[in-house]
Structures are given as C-alpha cells and as structure tokens.
Amino acid sequence: QLLLVESGGGLVQPGGSLTPSCVAFGSNLDNYDIAWFHQVPGKERGGISCISRIGFSIRYEDSVKGRFAISRDSEKNMIFLPINSLKPEDTGVYYCAEATQWPLCGLKLEAYEDWGQGIQDTVSS
C-alpha cells in the first residue's frame, strides 16, 4: 500500500502562485500514475492533471492548461504541481492519488486507489 502525503497549501492572492507537492512512502512512485484532484464544497472531486507511470506522459484538464504544471522527482519520490496565475475558482482541497489501471492517466475518480489527506488552497484578496 502506498501512503501519500500532500503539502504546499495556503492562502494566496489572485494572480499568485502555489506549488502543492505529494510525497510517497511504501513504494516507488514511478510505478504509478499520479493524479491531482480538486474539490470544492458540495461537488465531487475532479481530476485536473496526471503524470503516467509509463513514459511519464502528462495530461491536463482543459481549464488548467497553461497555468498548472505537473512533474516528478524520482529521487525524492515526489510529485509537484506548480500553479500560476491563480484564480478564486482554484480555491478548494487538492488531493494526490495513485492508479495502476488502464488507460494510463484516465482522470476518473474510481480508477484511483490510494489518496492523500488533501490540502486546502485558498485564492482570495
């Protein structure tokens, strides 16, 4: 079983930046697709970005393209999600999660097995 722990949340003004990160314990993160999900109160978690276990292919949901960047650090067993030009609608809880199913980096909630505890990002002036 993989233990995932997120960090890097916080309060930032619109237009600012944050870099949520996700560290894994218990297994090599390179063996998993790792995705980030975003959740606001009253709504289901939505997949926003993923980096695959094979070829390290990257996928972004359309609303975050150009502002979010996902990357791996294999030595540290970590995934990073730098976010630029933050908007108030980016406020919410961010979760990292792992999957080993096919297709690679499908952003459906049910494909992901182990989840981090989530971190709160708030974008407000």
N, C-alpha and C. Protein backbone atom coordinates (compact mmCIF):
# COMPACT_ATOMS: atom_id res chain seq x y z
N GLN A 1 0.84 -1.19 0.00
CA GLN A 1 0.00 0.00 0.00
C GLN A 1 0.88 1.23 0.00
N LEU A 2 0.43 2.22 -0.72
CA LEU A 2 1.18 3.46 -0.87
C LEU A 2 0.57 4.51 0.05
N LEU A 3 1.42 5.18 0.82
CA LEU A 3 0.97 6.30 1.64
C LEU A 3 1.38 7.59 0.94
N LEU A 4 0.40 8.46 0.69
CA LEU A 4 0.64 9.72 0.01
C LEU A 4 0.38 10.87 0.96
N VAL A 5 1.27 11.83 0.98
CA VAL A 5 1.13 12.97 1.88
C VAL A 5 1.35 14.25 1.08
N GLU A 6 0.32 15.12 1.08
CA GLU A 6 0.44 16.38 0.36
C GLU A 6 0.94 17.49 1.28
N SER A 7 1.53 18.49 0.68
CA SER A 7 1.91 19.71 1.39
C SER A 7 1.92 20.84 0.38
N GLY A 8 2.07 22.07 0.89
CA GLY A 8 2.18 23.20 -0.02
C GLY A 8 0.91 23.99 -0.22
N GLY A 9 -0.09 23.74 0.60
CA GLY A 9 -1.29 24.54 0.52
C GLY A 9 -1.13 25.89 1.19
N GLY A 10 -2.16 26.72 1.05
CA GLY A 10 -2.09 28.02 1.71
C GLY A 10 -3.05 29.02 1.16
N LEU A 11 -2.88 30.26 1.61
CA LEU A 11 -3.70 31.39 1.18
C LEU A 11 -2.87 32.27 0.26
N VAL A 12 -3.42 32.59 -0.89
CA VAL A 12 -2.68 33.40 -1.86
C VAL A 12 -3.65 34.34 -2.55
N GLN A 13 -3.16 35.48 -3.00
CA GLN A 13 -3.99 36.44 -3.71
C GLN A 13 -4.18 36.01 -5.15
N PRO A 14 -5.27 36.44 -5.78
CA PRO A 14 -5.44 36.16 -7.21
C PRO A 14 -4.23 36.61 -8.01
N GLY A 15 -3.84 35.77 -8.95
CA GLY A 15 -2.65 36.05 -9.76
C GLY A 15 -1.38 35.48 -9.17
N GLY A 16 -1.44 35.00 -7.94
CA GLY A 16 -0.26 34.45 -7.28
C GLY A 16 0.01 33.01 -7.68
N SER A 17 0.95 32.39 -6.95
CA SER A 17 1.39 31.03 -7.28
C SER A 17 1.46 30.17 -6.02
N LEU A 18 1.28 28.88 -6.22
CA LEU A 18 1.46 27.88 -5.17
C LEU A 18 2.09 26.65 -5.82
N THR A 19 2.74 25.83 -5.00
CA THR A 19 3.28 24.56 -5.51
C THR A 19 2.93 23.44 -4.55
N PRO A 20 1.73 22.87 -4.71
CA PRO A 20 1.43 21.67 -3.94
C PRO A 20 2.39 20.54 -4.31
N SER A 21 2.72 19.74 -3.32
CA SER A 21 3.58 18.60 -3.57
C SER A 21 3.00 17.38 -2.88
N CYS A 22 3.45 16.22 -3.34
CA CYS A 22 2.93 14.94 -2.86
C CYS A 22 4.11 14.01 -2.73
N VAL A 23 4.36 13.51 -1.52
CA VAL A 23 5.45 12.57 -1.29
C VAL A 23 4.86 11.20 -0.99
N ALA A 24 5.54 10.18 -1.46
CA ALA A 24 5.04 8.82 -1.29
C ALA A 24 5.93 8.02 -0.35
N PHE A 25 5.30 7.17 0.44
CA PHE A 25 6.00 6.24 1.33
C PHE A 25 5.48 4.84 1.08
N GLY A 26 6.40 3.88 1.07
CA GLY A 26 5.99 2.49 0.97
C GLY A 26 6.22 1.86 -0.38
N SER A 27 6.47 2.65 -1.40
CA SER A 27 6.70 2.08 -2.72
C SER A 27 7.27 3.16 -3.62
N ASN A 28 7.81 2.72 -4.74
CA ASN A 28 8.38 3.64 -5.72
C ASN A 28 7.26 4.29 -6.51
N LEU A 29 7.20 5.62 -6.43
CA LEU A 29 6.12 6.37 -7.08
C LEU A 29 6.15 6.22 -8.60
N ASP A 30 7.30 5.89 -9.15
CA ASP A 30 7.40 5.76 -10.62
C ASP A 30 6.58 4.59 -11.15
N ASN A 31 6.13 3.71 -10.27
CA ASN A 31 5.33 2.57 -10.70
C ASN A 31 3.84 2.88 -10.79
N TYR A 32 3.47 4.14 -10.55
CA TYR A 32 2.07 4.52 -10.51
C TYR A 32 1.78 5.73 -11.39
N ASP A 33 0.56 5.77 -11.93
CA ASP A 33 0.03 7.04 -12.42
C ASP A 33 -0.28 7.87 -11.18
N ILE A 34 0.11 9.12 -11.19
CA ILE A 34 -0.22 10.01 -10.08
C ILE A 34 -1.03 11.18 -10.62
N ALA A 35 -2.18 11.39 -10.05
CA ALA A 35 -3.06 12.47 -10.48
C ALA A 35 -3.35 13.42 -9.33
N TRP A 36 -3.69 14.64 -9.70
CA TRP A 36 -4.18 15.63 -8.75
C TRP A 36 -5.66 15.86 -9.02
N PHE A 37 -6.41 15.91 -7.93
CA PHE A 37 -7.84 16.18 -8.00
C PHE A 37 -8.13 17.45 -7.20
N HIS A 38 -9.19 18.13 -7.60
CA HIS A 38 -9.61 19.37 -6.95
C HIS A 38 -11.05 19.21 -6.50
N GLN A 39 -11.33 19.64 -5.27
CA GLN A 39 -12.69 19.53 -4.76
C GLN A 39 -13.11 20.81 -4.05
N VAL A 40 -14.32 21.24 -4.36
CA VAL A 40 -14.93 22.37 -3.65
C VAL A 40 -16.14 21.84 -2.90
N PRO A 41 -16.59 22.53 -1.85
CA PRO A 41 -17.73 22.03 -1.07
C PRO A 41 -18.95 21.78 -1.93
N GLY A 42 -19.55 20.63 -1.72
CA GLY A 42 -20.78 20.29 -2.42
C GLY A 42 -20.59 19.67 -3.79
N LYS A 43 -19.36 19.53 -4.21
CA LYS A 43 -19.09 18.94 -5.54
C LYS A 43 -18.13 17.77 -5.42
N GLU A 44 -18.20 16.89 -6.38
CA GLU A 44 -17.30 15.74 -6.43
C GLU A 44 -15.89 16.18 -6.81
N ARG A 45 -14.92 15.42 -6.37
CA ARG A 45 -13.54 15.68 -6.77
C ARG A 45 -13.41 15.53 -8.27
N GLY A 46 -12.71 16.49 -8.87
CA GLY A 46 -12.49 16.45 -10.31
C GLY A 46 -11.01 16.33 -10.61
N GLY A 47 -10.67 15.45 -11.55
CA GLY A 47 -9.28 15.30 -11.94
C GLY A 47 -8.81 16.49 -12.75
N ILE A 48 -7.62 16.99 -12.41
CA ILE A 48 -7.10 18.16 -13.11
C ILE A 48 -5.78 17.90 -13.82
N SER A 49 -5.00 16.96 -13.34
CA SER A 49 -3.73 16.68 -14.01
C SER A 49 -3.23 15.30 -13.59
N CYS A 50 -2.44 14.70 -14.47
CA CYS A 50 -1.90 13.38 -14.18
C CYS A 50 -0.57 13.21 -14.90
N ILE A 51 0.33 12.43 -14.28
CA ILE A 51 1.57 12.03 -14.92
C ILE A 51 1.64 10.51 -14.85
N SER A 52 1.87 9.89 -15.98
CA SER A 52 1.71 8.44 -16.07
C SER A 52 2.94 7.69 -15.57
N ARG A 53 2.73 6.40 -15.32
CA ARG A 53 3.80 5.52 -14.85
C ARG A 53 4.66 5.00 -15.98
N ILE A 54 4.16 5.06 -17.19
CA ILE A 54 4.91 4.57 -18.35
C ILE A 54 5.15 5.76 -19.26
N GLY A 55 6.39 6.05 -19.51
CA GLY A 55 6.70 7.17 -20.39
C GLY A 55 6.54 8.53 -19.77
N PHE A 56 6.02 8.56 -18.54
CA PHE A 56 5.79 9.83 -17.84
C PHE A 56 5.01 10.82 -18.70
N SER A 57 4.01 10.32 -19.39
CA SER A 57 3.13 11.20 -20.16
C SER A 57 2.33 12.08 -19.20
N ILE A 58 1.98 13.25 -19.69
CA ILE A 58 1.28 14.23 -18.86
C ILE A 58 -0.06 14.58 -19.48
N ARG A 59 -1.04 14.76 -18.61
CA ARG A 59 -2.38 15.11 -19.05
C ARG A 59 -2.90 16.24 -18.16
N TYR A 60 -3.59 17.19 -18.77
CA TYR A 60 -4.23 18.30 -18.04
C TYR A 60 -5.69 18.41 -18.44
N GLU A 61 -6.51 18.73 -17.46
CA GLU A 61 -7.89 19.09 -17.76
C GLU A 61 -7.86 20.47 -18.42
N ASP A 62 -8.81 20.73 -19.32
CA ASP A 62 -8.73 21.93 -20.16
C ASP A 62 -8.65 23.22 -19.36
N SER A 63 -9.35 23.29 -18.23
CA SER A 63 -9.42 24.55 -17.51
C SER A 63 -8.11 24.96 -16.84
N VAL A 64 -7.15 24.02 -16.75
CA VAL A 64 -5.90 24.34 -16.06
C VAL A 64 -4.70 24.39 -17.00
N LYS A 65 -4.93 24.08 -18.26
CA LYS A 65 -3.83 24.10 -19.22
C LYS A 65 -3.19 25.48 -19.27
N GLY A 66 -1.88 25.50 -19.25
CA GLY A 66 -1.14 26.76 -19.32
C GLY A 66 -0.87 27.39 -17.96
N ARG A 67 -1.58 26.95 -16.93
CA ARG A 67 -1.36 27.52 -15.59
C ARG A 67 -0.81 26.49 -14.61
N PHE A 68 -1.11 25.22 -14.82
CA PHE A 68 -0.67 24.15 -13.94
C PHE A 68 0.42 23.36 -14.65
N ALA A 69 1.38 22.88 -13.88
CA ALA A 69 2.45 22.05 -14.45
C ALA A 69 2.74 20.91 -13.48
N ILE A 70 2.68 19.68 -13.95
CA ILE A 70 2.93 18.53 -13.09
C ILE A 70 4.30 17.95 -13.42
N SER A 71 5.01 17.49 -12.39
CA SER A 71 6.31 16.90 -12.63
C SER A 71 6.63 15.89 -11.54
N ARG A 72 7.58 15.01 -11.85
CA ARG A 72 8.06 14.01 -10.90
C ARG A 72 9.49 14.32 -10.48
N ASP A 73 9.81 13.97 -9.24
CA ASP A 73 11.20 13.90 -8.80
C ASP A 73 11.40 12.48 -8.29
N SER A 74 11.96 11.65 -9.14
CA SER A 74 12.07 10.23 -8.81
C SER A 74 13.00 9.99 -7.62
N GLU A 75 14.03 10.79 -7.48
CA GLU A 75 14.96 10.61 -6.37
C GLU A 75 14.29 10.87 -5.03
N LYS A 76 13.40 11.87 -5.00
CA LYS A 76 12.71 12.22 -3.76
C LYS A 76 11.38 11.49 -3.61
N ASN A 77 10.98 10.75 -4.65
CA ASN A 77 9.69 10.05 -4.64
C ASN A 77 8.53 11.03 -4.45
N MET A 78 8.59 12.10 -5.21
CA MET A 78 7.62 13.18 -5.06
C MET A 78 7.03 13.60 -6.40
N ILE A 79 5.84 14.17 -6.32
CA ILE A 79 5.16 14.78 -7.45
C ILE A 79 4.89 16.24 -7.08
N PHE A 80 5.09 17.14 -8.03
CA PHE A 80 4.86 18.56 -7.80
C PHE A 80 3.80 19.07 -8.76
N LEU A 81 3.07 20.09 -8.30
CA LEU A 81 2.04 20.72 -9.14
C LEU A 81 2.15 22.23 -9.02
N PRO A 82 3.14 22.85 -9.63
CA PRO A 82 3.21 24.32 -9.61
C PRO A 82 1.98 24.92 -10.28
N ILE A 83 1.38 25.90 -9.62
CA ILE A 83 0.17 26.55 -10.14
C ILE A 83 0.45 28.05 -10.22
N ASN A 84 0.27 28.60 -11.39
CA ASN A 84 0.48 30.03 -11.60
C ASN A 84 -0.84 30.71 -11.93
N SER A 85 -0.82 32.04 -11.86
CA SER A 85 -2.00 32.85 -12.22
C SER A 85 -3.26 32.33 -11.54
N LEU A 86 -3.17 32.13 -10.24
CA LEU A 86 -4.28 31.55 -9.50
C LEU A 86 -5.52 32.42 -9.57
N LYS A 87 -6.67 31.75 -9.64
CA LYS A 87 -7.97 32.40 -9.72
C LYS A 87 -8.79 32.01 -8.49
N PRO A 88 -9.75 32.82 -8.11
CA PRO A 88 -10.59 32.44 -6.96
C PRO A 88 -11.24 31.07 -7.13
N GLU A 89 -11.57 30.69 -8.35
CA GLU A 89 -12.20 29.38 -8.57
C GLU A 89 -11.23 28.22 -8.40
N ASP A 90 -9.95 28.50 -8.24
CA ASP A 90 -8.98 27.44 -7.94
C ASP A 90 -9.01 27.08 -6.45
N THR A 91 -9.72 27.86 -5.66
CA THR A 91 -9.86 27.55 -4.23
C THR A 91 -10.48 26.18 -4.04
N GLY A 92 -9.97 25.46 -3.06
CA GLY A 92 -10.52 24.15 -2.76
C GLY A 92 -9.47 23.25 -2.14
N VAL A 93 -9.83 22.00 -2.00
CA VAL A 93 -8.91 21.00 -1.46
C VAL A 93 -8.30 20.24 -2.63
N TYR A 94 -7.00 20.09 -2.58
CA TYR A 94 -6.25 19.37 -3.61
C TYR A 94 -5.76 18.04 -3.06
N TYR A 95 -6.01 16.99 -3.81
CA TYR A 95 -5.62 15.64 -3.43
C TYR A 95 -4.71 15.05 -4.49
N CYS A 96 -3.68 14.31 -4.05
CA CYS A 96 -2.96 13.46 -4.99
C CYS A 96 -3.44 12.02 -4.77
N ALA A 97 -3.38 11.24 -5.84
CA ALA A 97 -3.88 9.87 -5.78
C ALA A 97 -3.13 9.03 -6.79
N GLU A 98 -3.13 7.71 -6.56
CA GLU A 98 -2.39 6.82 -7.44
C GLU A 98 -3.31 5.81 -8.11
N ALA A 99 -2.88 5.40 -9.29
CA ALA A 99 -3.63 4.38 -10.04
C ALA A 99 -2.66 3.50 -10.80
N THR A 100 -3.09 2.26 -11.01
CA THR A 100 -2.31 1.34 -11.85
C THR A 100 -3.19 0.71 -12.92
N GLN A 101 -4.37 1.27 -13.13
CA GLN A 101 -5.31 0.72 -14.10
C GLN A 101 -5.02 1.27 -15.49
N TRP A 102 -5.75 0.74 -16.46
CA TRP A 102 -5.71 1.21 -17.84
C TRP A 102 -7.03 1.88 -18.16
N PRO A 103 -7.05 2.92 -19.01
CA PRO A 103 -5.91 3.51 -19.71
C PRO A 103 -5.01 4.33 -18.78
N LEU A 104 -3.82 4.62 -19.23
CA LEU A 104 -2.93 5.46 -18.45
C LEU A 104 -3.55 6.83 -18.23
N CYS A 105 -3.48 7.27 -16.97
CA CYS A 105 -3.92 8.62 -16.62
C CYS A 105 -5.35 8.95 -17.04
N GLY A 106 -6.23 7.96 -16.93
CA GLY A 106 -7.64 8.32 -17.03
C GLY A 106 -7.99 9.11 -15.78
N LEU A 107 -8.72 10.20 -15.91
CA LEU A 107 -8.97 11.06 -14.76
C LEU A 107 -10.31 10.76 -14.08
N LYS A 108 -10.74 9.51 -14.14
CA LYS A 108 -11.96 9.13 -13.46
C LYS A 108 -11.66 8.78 -12.01
N LEU A 109 -12.45 9.28 -11.13
CA LEU A 109 -12.26 9.14 -9.69
C LEU A 109 -12.07 7.69 -9.28
N GLU A 110 -12.89 6.81 -9.80
CA GLU A 110 -12.93 5.42 -9.34
C GLU A 110 -11.70 4.62 -9.72
N ALA A 111 -10.87 5.15 -10.61
CA ALA A 111 -9.66 4.43 -11.02
C ALA A 111 -8.55 4.56 -10.00
N TYR A 112 -8.68 5.46 -9.07
CA TYR A 112 -7.59 5.77 -8.15
C TYR A 112 -7.80 5.09 -6.81
N GLU A 113 -6.72 4.50 -6.30
CA GLU A 113 -6.83 3.63 -5.14
C GLU A 113 -6.40 4.31 -3.84
N ASP A 114 -5.17 4.72 -3.77
CA ASP A 114 -4.67 5.36 -2.55
C ASP A 114 -4.68 6.87 -2.74
N TRP A 115 -5.09 7.57 -1.69
CA TRP A 115 -5.25 9.02 -1.73
C TRP A 115 -4.49 9.67 -0.58
N GLY A 116 -4.02 10.89 -0.83
CA GLY A 116 -3.50 11.70 0.25
C GLY A 116 -4.64 12.28 1.07
N GLN A 117 -4.26 13.00 2.13
CA GLN A 117 -5.25 13.54 3.05
C GLN A 117 -5.89 14.83 2.53
N GLY A 118 -5.27 15.43 1.53
CA GLY A 118 -5.78 16.67 0.96
C GLY A 118 -5.19 17.90 1.61
N ILE A 119 -5.02 18.94 0.82
CA ILE A 119 -4.55 20.22 1.35
C ILE A 119 -5.46 21.32 0.83
N GLN A 120 -5.63 22.35 1.65
CA GLN A 120 -6.51 23.46 1.30
C GLN A 120 -5.70 24.57 0.65
N ASP A 121 -6.16 24.98 -0.53
CA ASP A 121 -5.61 26.16 -1.19
C ASP A 121 -6.74 27.18 -1.27
N THR A 122 -6.48 28.41 -0.83
CA THR A 122 -7.47 29.46 -0.87
C THR A 122 -6.92 30.64 -1.65
N VAL A 123 -7.68 31.05 -2.68
CA VAL A 123 -7.27 32.18 -3.50
C VAL A 123 -8.25 33.32 -3.23
N SER A 124 -7.76 34.34 -2.56
CA SER A 124 -8.65 35.43 -2.15
C SER A 124 -7.84 36.69 -1.92
N SER A 125 -8.44 37.82 -2.21
CA SER A 125 -7.79 39.10 -1.94
C SER A 125 -8.21 39.63 -0.57
